[in-house]
PDB file of N, CA and C in Angstrom:
ATOM      1  N   MET A   1       1.018  -0.937   0.005  1.00  0.00           N
ATOM      2  CA  MET A   1      -0.565   0.164   0.065  1.00  0.00           C
ATOM      3  C   MET A   1       0.569   1.140  -0.139  1.00  0.00           C
ATOM      4  N   ARG A   2       1.349   1.269  -1.358  1.00  0.00           N
ATOM      5  CA  ARG A   2       2.545   2.761  -1.523  1.00  0.00           C
ATOM      6  C   ARG A   2       2.131   4.184  -0.881  1.00  0.00           C
ATOM      7  N   VAL A   3       0.206   4.258  -0.930  1.00  0.00           N
ATOM      8  CA  VAL A   3      -0.579   5.697  -0.931  1.00  0.00           C
ATOM      9  C   VAL A   3      -0.908   5.587   0.379  1.00  0.00           C
ATOM     10  N   ALA A   4      -1.005   4.332   0.652  1.00  0.00           N
ATOM     11  CA  ALA A   4      -1.704   4.859   1.932  1.00  0.00           C
ATOM     12  C   ALA A   4      -0.362   4.315   2.487  1.00  0.00           C
ATOM     13  N   SER A   5       0.375   4.832   2.756  1.00  0.00           N
ATOM     14  CA  SER A   5       1.775   4.663   3.888  1.00  0.00           C
ATOM     15  C   SER A   5       2.130   6.218   3.084  1.00  0.00           C
ATOM     16  N   ALA A   6       2.012   6.118   2.585  1.00  0.00           N
ATOM     17  CA  ALA A   6       3.208   7.834   2.033  1.00  0.00           C
ATOM     18  C   ALA A   6       1.865   8.795   2.886  1.00  0.00           C
ATOM     19  N   ILE A   7       0.528   8.465   3.097  1.00  0.00           N
ATOM     20  CA  ILE A   7      -0.268   9.402   3.194  1.00  0.00           C
ATOM     21  C   ILE A   7       0.112   9.392   5.034  1.00  0.00           C
ATOM     22  N   GLU A   8       0.447   7.368   6.128  1.00  0.00           N
ATOM     23  CA  GLU A   8       0.907   7.498   6.965  1.00  0.00           C
ATOM     24  C   GLU A   8       1.501   8.949   7.054  1.00  0.00           C
ATOM     25  N   LYS A   9       2.978   8.537   6.628  1.00  0.00           N
ATOM     26  CA  LYS A   9       4.355   8.620   6.734  1.00  0.00           C
ATOM     27  C   LYS A   9       4.427  10.385   7.122  1.00  0.00           C
ATOM     28  N   LYS A  10       3.461  11.370   5.830  1.00  0.00           N
ATOM     29  CA  LYS A  10       3.275  12.305   6.394  1.00  0.00           C
ATOM     30  C   LYS A  10       2.349  12.930   7.173  1.00  0.00           C
ATOM     31  N   LEU A  11       0.911  12.622   7.729  1.00  0.00           N
ATOM     32  CA  LEU A  11       0.262  12.516   8.896  1.00  0.00           C
ATOM     33  C   LEU A  11       1.369  12.879   9.942  1.00  0.00           C
ATOM     34  N   ALA A  12       1.587  11.333  10.292  1.00  0.00           N
ATOM     35  CA  ALA A  12       2.268  11.780  11.564  1.00  0.00           C
ATOM     36  C   ALA A  12       3.279  12.581  11.531  1.00  0.00           C
ATOM     37  N   ASP A  13       4.054  12.455  10.783  1.00  0.00           N
ATOM     38  CA  ASP A  13       5.577  13.864  10.636  1.00  0.00           C
ATOM     39  C   ASP A  13       5.084  15.195  11.439  1.00  0.00           C
ATOM     40  N   GLU A  14       3.771  15.356   9.920  1.00  0.00           N
ATOM     41  CA  GLU A  14       3.218  16.580  11.063  1.00  0.00           C
ATOM     42  C   GLU A  14       2.592  17.078  12.162  1.00  0.00           C
ATOM     43  N   PHE A  15       1.469  16.453  12.247  1.00  0.00           N
ATOM     44  CA  PHE A  15       0.997  16.691  13.063  1.00  0.00           C
ATOM     45  C   PHE A  15       0.997  15.665  14.000  1.00  0.00           C
ATOM     46  N   LYS A  16       1.778  15.130  14.129  1.00  0.00           N
ATOM     47  CA  LYS A  16       2.580  13.677  15.952  1.00  0.00           C
ATOM     48  C   LYS A  16       0.555  13.801  16.568  1.00  0.00           C
ATOM     49  N   PRO A  17       0.176  12.728  14.834  1.00  0.00           N
ATOM     50  CA  PRO A  17      -1.202  11.897  15.560  1.00  0.00           C
ATOM     51  C   PRO A  17      -0.997  11.674  17.234  1.00  0.00           C
ATOM     52  N   LEU A  18      -2.323  11.676  18.178  1.00  0.00           N
ATOM     53  CA  LEU A  18      -2.844  10.428  19.358  1.00  0.00           C
ATOM     54  C   LEU A  18      -3.420   9.415  18.681  1.00  0.00           C
ATOM     55  N   ARG A  19      -4.080   9.616  17.521  1.00  0.00           N
ATOM     56  CA  ARG A  19      -5.006   8.358  16.429  1.00  0.00           C
ATOM     57  C   ARG A  19      -4.598   9.107  15.421  1.00  0.00           C
ATOM     58  N   LEU A  20      -4.374   7.685  14.874  1.00  0.00           N
ATOM     59  CA  LEU A  20      -4.050   8.467  13.007  1.00  0.00           C
ATOM     60  C   LEU A  20      -4.913   6.700  12.254  1.00  0.00           C
ATOM     61  N   GLU A  21      -5.939   7.087  11.906  1.00  0.00           N
ATOM     62  CA  GLU A  21      -7.295   5.870  10.965  1.00  0.00           C
ATOM     63  C   GLU A  21      -6.910   6.584   9.625  1.00  0.00           C
ATOM     64  N   ILE A  22      -6.837   5.578   8.892  1.00  0.00           N
ATOM     65  CA  ILE A  22      -6.296   5.696   7.344  1.00  0.00           C
ATOM     66  C   ILE A  22      -6.738   4.381   6.662  1.00  0.00           C
ATOM     67  N   ILE A  23      -8.523   4.668   5.725  1.00  0.00           N
ATOM     68  CA  ILE A  23      -9.057   4.016   5.354  1.00  0.00           C
ATOM     69  C   ILE A  23      -9.377   3.457   4.189  1.00  0.00           C
ATOM     70  N   ASP A  24      -8.707   2.571   2.979  1.00  0.00           N
ATOM     71  CA  ASP A  24      -9.120   2.558   1.381  1.00  0.00           C
ATOM     72  C   ASP A  24     -10.173   2.127   1.001  1.00  0.00           C
ATOM     73  N   GLU A  25     -10.687   3.262   0.707  1.00  0.00           N
ATOM     74  CA  GLU A  25     -12.435   2.799   0.321  1.00  0.00           C
ATOM     75  C   GLU A  25     -12.537   2.385  -1.426  1.00  0.00           C
ATOM     76  N   SER A  26     -11.289   2.496  -2.340  1.00  0.00           N
ATOM     77  CA  SER A  26     -11.433   2.691  -3.399  1.00  0.00           C
ATOM     78  C   SER A  26     -12.033   1.689  -4.739  1.00  0.00           C
ATOM     79  N   ALA A  27     -12.319   0.127  -3.589  1.00  0.00           N
ATOM     80  CA  ALA A  27     -12.510  -0.895  -4.244  1.00  0.00           C
ATOM     81  C   ALA A  27     -14.134  -0.966  -4.273  1.00  0.00           C
ATOM     82  N   ARG A  28     -15.219   0.241  -2.890  1.00  0.00           N
ATOM     83  CA  ARG A  28     -15.861   1.158  -3.490  1.00  0.00           C
ATOM     84  C   ARG A  28     -16.344   1.670  -4.298  1.00  0.00           C
ATOM     85  N   HIS A  29     -15.261   2.529  -5.235  1.00  0.00           N
ATOM     86  CA  HIS A  29     -15.503   3.508  -6.272  1.00  0.00           C
ATOM     87  C   HIS A  29     -15.301   3.005  -7.656  1.00  0.00           C
ATOM     88  N   ALA A  30     -14.448   1.368  -7.600  1.00  0.00           N
ATOM     89  CA  ALA A  30     -14.216   1.110  -9.051  1.00  0.00           C
ATOM     90  C   ALA A  30     -15.263   0.905 -10.034  1.00  0.00           C
ATOM     91  N   GLY A  31     -14.617   1.969 -10.994  1.00  0.00           N
ATOM     92  CA  GLY A  31     -15.484   1.851 -12.110  1.00  0.00           C
ATOM     93  C   GLY A  31     -15.446   3.539 -12.095  1.00  0.00           C
ATOM     94  N   HIS A  32     -15.572   3.978 -11.056  1.00  0.00           N
ATOM     95  CA  HIS A  32     -15.840   5.232 -10.780  1.00  0.00           C
ATOM     96  C   HIS A  32     -14.542   5.965 -11.068  1.00  0.00           C
ATOM     97  N   ALA A  33     -15.068   8.180 -11.628  1.00  0.00           N
ATOM     98  CA  ALA A  33     -14.104   7.770 -11.957  1.00  0.00           C
ATOM     99  C   ALA A  33     -12.871   8.265 -11.129  1.00  0.00           C
ATOM    100  N   GLY A  34     -11.335   8.618 -11.610  1.00  0.00           N
ATOM    101  CA  GLY A  34     -10.452   8.887 -11.339  1.00  0.00           C
ATOM    102  C   GLY A  34      -9.775   7.427 -10.303  1.00  0.00           C
ATOM    103  N   ALA A  35     -11.177   6.715 -10.418  1.00  0.00           N
ATOM    104  CA  ALA A  35     -10.381   4.848  -9.767  1.00  0.00           C
ATOM    105  C   ALA A  35      -9.746   4.813 -10.508  1.00  0.00           C
ATOM    106  N   ARG A  36      -8.674   3.612 -10.486  1.00  0.00           N
ATOM    107  CA  ARG A  36      -7.219   3.385 -10.533  1.00  0.00           C
ATOM    108  C   ARG A  36      -7.536   1.383 -10.482  1.00  0.00           C
ATOM    109  N   PRO A  37      -7.116   1.277 -11.082  1.00  0.00           N
ATOM    110  CA  PRO A  37      -7.547  -0.683 -10.964  1.00  0.00           C
ATOM    111  C   PRO A  37      -6.337  -0.922 -10.054  1.00  0.00           C
ATOM    112  N   GLU A  38      -5.467  -0.422 -10.036  1.00  0.00           N
ATOM    113  CA  GLU A  38      -4.547  -0.590  -8.291  1.00  0.00           C
ATOM    114  C   GLU A  38      -4.842  -0.817  -6.902  1.00  0.00           C
ATOM    115  N   GLY A  39      -6.167   0.236  -7.345  1.00  0.00           N
ATOM    116  CA  GLY A  39      -7.118   0.634  -5.997  1.00  0.00           C
ATOM    117  C   GLY A  39      -5.987   2.442  -5.348  1.00  0.00           C
ATOM    118  N   GLU A  40      -6.037   2.326  -4.253  1.00  0.00           N
ATOM    119  CA  GLU A  40      -5.412   3.409  -3.755  1.00  0.00           C
ATOM    120  C   GLU A  40      -5.808   3.662  -4.471  1.00  0.00           C
ATOM    121  N   SER A  41      -6.782   5.437  -4.699  1.00  0.00           N
ATOM    122  CA  SER A  41      -7.151   5.992  -5.042  1.00  0.00           C
ATOM    123  C   SER A  41      -8.283   6.757  -4.231  1.00  0.00           C
ATOM    124  N   HIS A  42      -9.178   6.488  -3.241  1.00  0.00           N
ATOM    125  CA  HIS A  42     -10.211   7.144  -2.667  1.00  0.00           C
ATOM    126  C   HIS A  42      -9.668   6.245  -1.055  1.00  0.00           C
ATOM    127  N   PHE A  43      -8.958   7.344   0.048  1.00  0.00           N
ATOM    128  CA  PHE A  43      -9.260   7.194   1.393  1.00  0.00           C
ATOM    129  C   PHE A  43     -10.317   8.333   1.928  1.00  0.00           C
ATOM    130  N   SER A  44     -10.347   7.081   3.124  1.00  0.00           N
ATOM    131  CA  SER A  44     -10.639   8.240   4.128  1.00  0.00           C
ATOM    132  C   SER A  44      -9.717   8.159   5.915  1.00  0.00           C
ATOM    133  N   VAL A  45      -9.628   9.790   6.107  1.00  0.00           N
ATOM    134  CA  VAL A  45      -9.118   9.773   6.979  1.00  0.00           C
ATOM    135  C   VAL A  45      -9.394   9.829   8.242  1.00  0.00           C
ATOM    136  N   GLU A  46      -8.571   9.429   9.284  1.00  0.00           N
ATOM    137  CA  GLU A  46      -9.266  10.635  11.231  1.00  0.00           C
ATOM    138  C   GLU A  46      -8.540  10.053  11.561  1.00  0.00           C
ATOM    139  N   ILE A  47      -7.449  11.996  11.810  1.00  0.00           N
ATOM    140  CA  ILE A  47      -6.708  12.573  12.648  1.00  0.00           C
ATOM    141  C   ILE A  47      -6.876  13.097  13.909  1.00  0.00           C
ATOM    142  N   VAL A  48      -6.647  12.954  14.775  1.00  0.00           N
ATOM    143  CA  VAL A  48      -6.877  13.493  16.378  1.00  0.00           C
ATOM    144  C   VAL A  48      -5.228  13.970  16.737  1.00  0.00           C
ATOM    145  N   SER A  49      -5.006  15.550  16.505  1.00  0.00           N
ATOM    146  CA  SER A  49      -4.040  15.743  17.073  1.00  0.00           C
ATOM    147  C   SER A  49      -3.891  17.559  17.568  1.00  0.00           C
ATOM    148  N   GLU A  50      -2.796  17.748  18.647  1.00  0.00           N
ATOM    149  CA  GLU A  50      -3.074  18.767  19.096  1.00  0.00           C
ATOM    150  C   GLU A  50      -3.063  20.064  18.370  1.00  0.00           C
ATOM    151  N   ALA A  51      -2.559  19.641  17.289  1.00  0.00           N
ATOM    152  CA  ALA A  51      -2.374  20.764  16.121  1.00  0.00           C
ATOM    153  C   ALA A  51      -3.883  21.397  15.629  1.00  0.00           C
ATOM    154  N   PHE A  52      -4.905  20.929  15.139  1.00  0.00           N
ATOM    155  CA  PHE A  52      -6.091  21.445  15.805  1.00  0.00           C
ATOM    156  C   PHE A  52      -6.588  22.054  16.133  1.00  0.00           C
ATOM    157  N   ALA A  53      -5.946  22.340  17.680  1.00  0.00           N
ATOM    158  CA  ALA A  53      -6.588  23.222  18.363  1.00  0.00           C
ATOM    159  C   ALA A  53      -6.888  24.944  17.977  1.00  0.00           C
ATOM    160  N   GLY A  54      -8.096  25.926  17.414  1.00  0.00           N
ATOM    161  CA  GLY A  54      -7.800  27.123  18.076  1.00  0.00           C
ATOM    162  C   GLY A  54      -8.023  26.777  17.104  1.00  0.00           C
ATOM    163  N   LYS A  55      -8.536  25.892  16.302  1.00  0.00           N
ATOM    164  CA  LYS A  55      -8.489  26.114  13.978  1.00  0.00           C
ATOM    165  C   LYS A  55     -10.065  25.676  13.877  1.00  0.00           C
ATOM    166  N   SER A  56     -10.436  26.419  12.998  1.00  0.00           N
ATOM    167  CA  SER A  56     -11.776  25.866  12.362  1.00  0.00           C
ATOM    168  C   SER A  56     -11.924  24.438  11.650  1.00  0.00           C
ATOM    169  N   ARG A  57     -13.358  24.181  11.322  1.00  0.00           N
ATOM    170  CA  ARG A  57     -12.971  22.831  11.149  1.00  0.00           C
ATOM    171  C   ARG A  57     -12.052  22.957   9.364  1.00  0.00           C
ATOM    172  N   VAL A  58     -12.694  24.119   8.439  1.00  0.00           N
ATOM    173  CA  VAL A  58     -12.099  24.288   7.079  1.00  0.00           C
ATOM    174  C   VAL A  58     -10.509  24.573   7.581  1.00  0.00           C
ATOM    175  N   GLU A  59      -9.743  25.307   7.970  1.00  0.00           N
ATOM    176  CA  GLU A  59      -8.250  25.269   8.522  1.00  0.00           C
ATOM    177  C   GLU A  59      -7.375  24.689   8.418  1.00  0.00           C
ATOM    178  N   ARG A  60      -8.317  23.515   9.388  1.00  0.00           N
ATOM    179  CA  ARG A  60      -8.183  21.689   9.636  1.00  0.00           C
ATOM    180  C   ARG A  60      -7.922  21.183   8.685  1.00  0.00           C
ATOM    181  N   GLN A  61      -8.858  21.442   7.543  1.00  0.00           N
ATOM    182  CA  GLN A  61      -8.582  20.556   6.584  1.00  0.00           C
ATOM    183  C   GLN A  61      -7.883  20.974   5.450  1.00  0.00           C
ATOM    184  N   GLN A  62      -7.689  22.007   5.349  1.00  0.00           N
ATOM    185  CA  GLN A  62      -6.631  23.187   4.999  1.00  0.00           C
ATOM    186  C   GLN A  62      -5.310  22.439   5.119  1.00  0.00           C
ATOM    187  N   MET A  63      -5.071  22.644   6.481  1.00  0.00           N
ATOM    188  CA  MET A  63      -3.422  21.980   7.046  1.00  0.00           C
ATOM    189  C   MET A  63      -3.549  20.561   6.700  1.00  0.00           C
ATOM    190  N   ALA A  64      -4.553  19.600   6.126  1.00  0.00           N
ATOM    191  CA  ALA A  64      -3.844  18.332   5.966  1.00  0.00           C
ATOM    192  C   ALA A  64      -3.502  17.742   4.351  1.00  0.00           C
ATOM    193  N   TYR A  65      -4.436  18.560   3.148  1.00  0.00           N
ATOM    194  CA  TYR A  65      -4.204  18.706   2.253  1.00  0.00           C
ATOM    195  C   TYR A  65      -2.519  19.407   2.015  1.00  0.00           C
ATOM    196  N   ALA A  66      -2.345  20.473   3.183  1.00  0.00           N
ATOM    197  CA  ALA A  66      -1.171  20.840   2.568  1.00  0.00           C
ATOM    198  C   ALA A  66      -0.204  20.283   2.835  1.00  0.00           C
ATOM    199  N   ALA A  67      -0.808  19.116   3.826  1.00  0.00           N
ATOM    200  CA  ALA A  67       0.595  18.056   3.847  1.00  0.00           C
ATOM    201  C   ALA A  67       0.365  16.827   2.524  1.00  0.00           C
ATOM    202  N   LEU A  68      -0.111  16.801   2.007  1.00  0.00           N
ATOM    203  CA  LEU A  68      -0.853  15.588   1.006  1.00  0.00           C
ATOM    204  C   LEU A  68      -0.688  16.090   0.209  1.00  0.00           C
ATOM    205  N   ALA A  69      -0.409  17.634  -0.380  1.00  0.00           N
ATOM    206  CA  ALA A  69      -0.101  18.133  -1.799  1.00  0.00           C
ATOM    207  C   ALA A  69       0.083  17.633  -2.569  1.00  0.00           C
ATOM    208  N   GLN A  70       1.631  15.990  -2.518  1.00  0.00           N
ATOM    209  CA  GLN A  70       1.774  15.105  -3.502  1.00  0.00           C
ATOM    210  C   GLN A  70       0.158  14.294  -4.211  1.00  0.00           C
ATOM    211  N   GLU A  71       0.511  13.821  -3.446  1.00  0.00           N
ATOM    212  CA  GLU A  71      -0.607  12.797  -2.808  1.00  0.00           C
ATOM    213  C   GLU A  71      -1.903  13.433  -4.051  1.00  0.00           C
ATOM    214  N   LEU A  72      -2.349  14.844  -3.085  1.00  0.00           N
ATOM    215  CA  LEU A  72      -4.274  14.370  -4.201  1.00  0.00           C
ATOM    216  C   LEU A  72      -3.093  14.748  -5.013  1.00  0.00           C
ATOM    217  N   THR A  73      -2.227  15.257  -5.782  1.00  0.00           N
ATOM    218  CA  THR A  73      -2.283  15.989  -6.888  1.00  0.00           C
ATOM    219  C   THR A  73      -1.554  14.859  -7.883  1.00  0.00           C
ATOM    220  N   ASP A  74      -1.364  13.814  -7.604  1.00  0.00           N
ATOM    221  CA  ASP A  74      -0.366  12.287  -8.028  1.00  0.00           C
ATOM    222  C   ASP A  74      -1.282  11.341  -8.117  1.00  0.00           C
ATOM    223  N   ASP A  75      -2.049  11.112  -6.329  1.00  0.00           N
ATOM    224  CA  ASP A  75      -2.754  10.032  -6.632  1.00  0.00           C
ATOM    225  C   ASP A  75      -4.352   9.036  -5.638  1.00  0.00           C
ATOM    226  N   VAL A  76      -4.912  10.660  -5.338  1.00  0.00           N
ATOM    227  CA  VAL A  76      -5.644  10.924  -4.633  1.00  0.00           C
ATOM    228  C   VAL A  76      -6.685  11.298  -5.204  1.00  0.00           C
ATOM    229  N   HIS A  77      -7.576  10.603  -5.646  1.00  0.00           N
ATOM    230  CA  HIS A  77      -8.640  11.253  -6.310  1.00  0.00           C
ATOM    231  C   HIS A  77      -9.479  11.333  -5.602  1.00  0.00           C
ATOM    232  N   ALA A  78     -10.224  11.224  -4.030  1.00  0.00           N
ATOM    233  CA  ALA A  78     -11.129  11.626  -3.385  1.00  0.00           C
ATOM    234  C   ALA A  78     -10.172  11.180  -1.617  1.00  0.00           C
ATOM    235  N   LEU A  79     -10.667  11.907  -0.835  1.00  0.00           N
ATOM    236  CA  LEU A  79     -10.196  12.527   0.010  1.00  0.00           C
ATOM    237  C   LEU A  79     -11.031  12.920   1.293  1.00  0.00           C
ATOM    238  N   SER A  80     -12.057  11.521   2.462  1.00  0.00           N
ATOM    239  CA  SER A  80     -12.554  12.400   3.457  1.00  0.00           C
ATOM    240  C   SER A  80     -11.805  12.610   3.797  1.00  0.00           C
ATOM    241  N   LEU A  81     -11.953  13.672   5.260  1.00  0.00           N
ATOM    242  CA  LEU A  81     -10.924  13.784   6.416  1.00  0.00           C
ATOM    243  C   LEU A  81     -11.820  14.187   7.663  1.00  0.00           C
ATOM    244  N   LYS A  82     -11.348  13.976   8.962  1.00  0.00           N
ATOM    245  CA  LYS A  82     -11.737  14.101  10.130  1.00  0.00           C
ATOM    246  C   LYS A  82     -11.328  14.129  10.484  1.00  0.00           C
ATOM    247  N   THR A  83     -10.520  15.180  10.887  1.00  0.00           N
ATOM    248  CA  THR A  83      -9.620  16.522  11.720  1.00  0.00           C
ATOM    249  C   THR A  83     -10.062  16.108  13.460  1.00  0.00           C
ATOM    250  N   LEU A  84     -10.060  15.735  14.204  1.00  0.00           N
ATOM    251  CA  LEU A  84     -10.690  16.171  15.889  1.00  0.00           C
ATOM    252  C   LEU A  84      -9.392  17.021  17.033  1.00  0.00           C
ATOM    253  N   THR A  85      -9.349  17.378  17.654  1.00  0.00           N
ATOM    254  CA  THR A  85      -8.805  17.557  18.357  1.00  0.00           C
ATOM    255  C   THR A  85      -8.394  16.752  19.902  1.00  0.00           C
ATOM    256  N   PRO A  86      -7.441  16.263  20.319  1.00  0.00           N
ATOM    257  CA  PRO A  86      -8.173  15.445  21.642  1.00  0.00           C
ATOM    258  C   PRO A  86      -9.140  15.758  22.725  1.00  0.00           C
ATOM    259  N   GLU A  87      -9.957  16.954  22.651  1.00  0.00           N
ATOM    260  CA  GLU A  87     -11.305  16.916  23.361  1.00  0.00           C
ATOM    261  C   GLU A  87     -12.594  16.593  22.850  1.00  0.00           C
ATOM    262  N   GLU A  88     -12.099  16.762  22.147  1.00  0.00           N
ATOM    263  CA  GLU A  88     -13.691  16.623  20.911  1.00  0.00           C
ATOM    264  C   GLU A  88     -13.324  14.599  20.472  1.00  0.00           C
ATOM    265  N   ASP A  89     -12.655  14.577  20.422  1.00  0.00           N
ATOM    266  CA  ASP A  89     -12.461  12.492  20.134  1.00  0.00           C
ATOM    267  C   ASP A  89     -12.881  12.567  21.163  1.00  0.00           C
ATOM    268  N   ALA A  90     -12.631  12.993  22.933  1.00  0.00           N
ATOM    269  CA  ALA A  90     -13.153  12.510  24.094  1.00  0.00           C
ATOM    270  C   ALA A  90     -14.248  12.699  23.693  1.00  0.00           C
ATOM    271  N   GLY A  91     -14.754  13.333  23.132  1.00  0.00           N
ATOM    272  CA  GLY A  91     -16.317  14.030  23.445  1.00  0.00           C
ATOM    273  C   GLY A  91     -16.530  12.815  22.210  1.00  0.00           C
ATOM    274  N   THR A  92     -16.876  12.364  22.181  1.00  0.00           N
ATOM    275  CA  THR A  92     -16.960  11.247  20.478  1.00  0.00           C
ATOM    276  C   THR A  92     -17.833  10.140  20.414  1.00  0.00           C
TER     277      THR A  92
END
């Protein structure tokens, strides 16, 4: 899982998350635009980090998109993000 590994490494390095879940949802999108036969084109990410404290949802997503700019340009067709602070994660 080359793309998933790159996503994991970049998000871990950038945000030092307390929790990071990456789910490859590519199989659910087979035959859709942007889907590749080898997969790793559609991902769902949930990340919990102190780095998101005081940031709006849009700012948090912009931070994650910036960290994954290369993957979003080259490999990833769709990315669903859930970005939480530790306090928000404890309340969910």
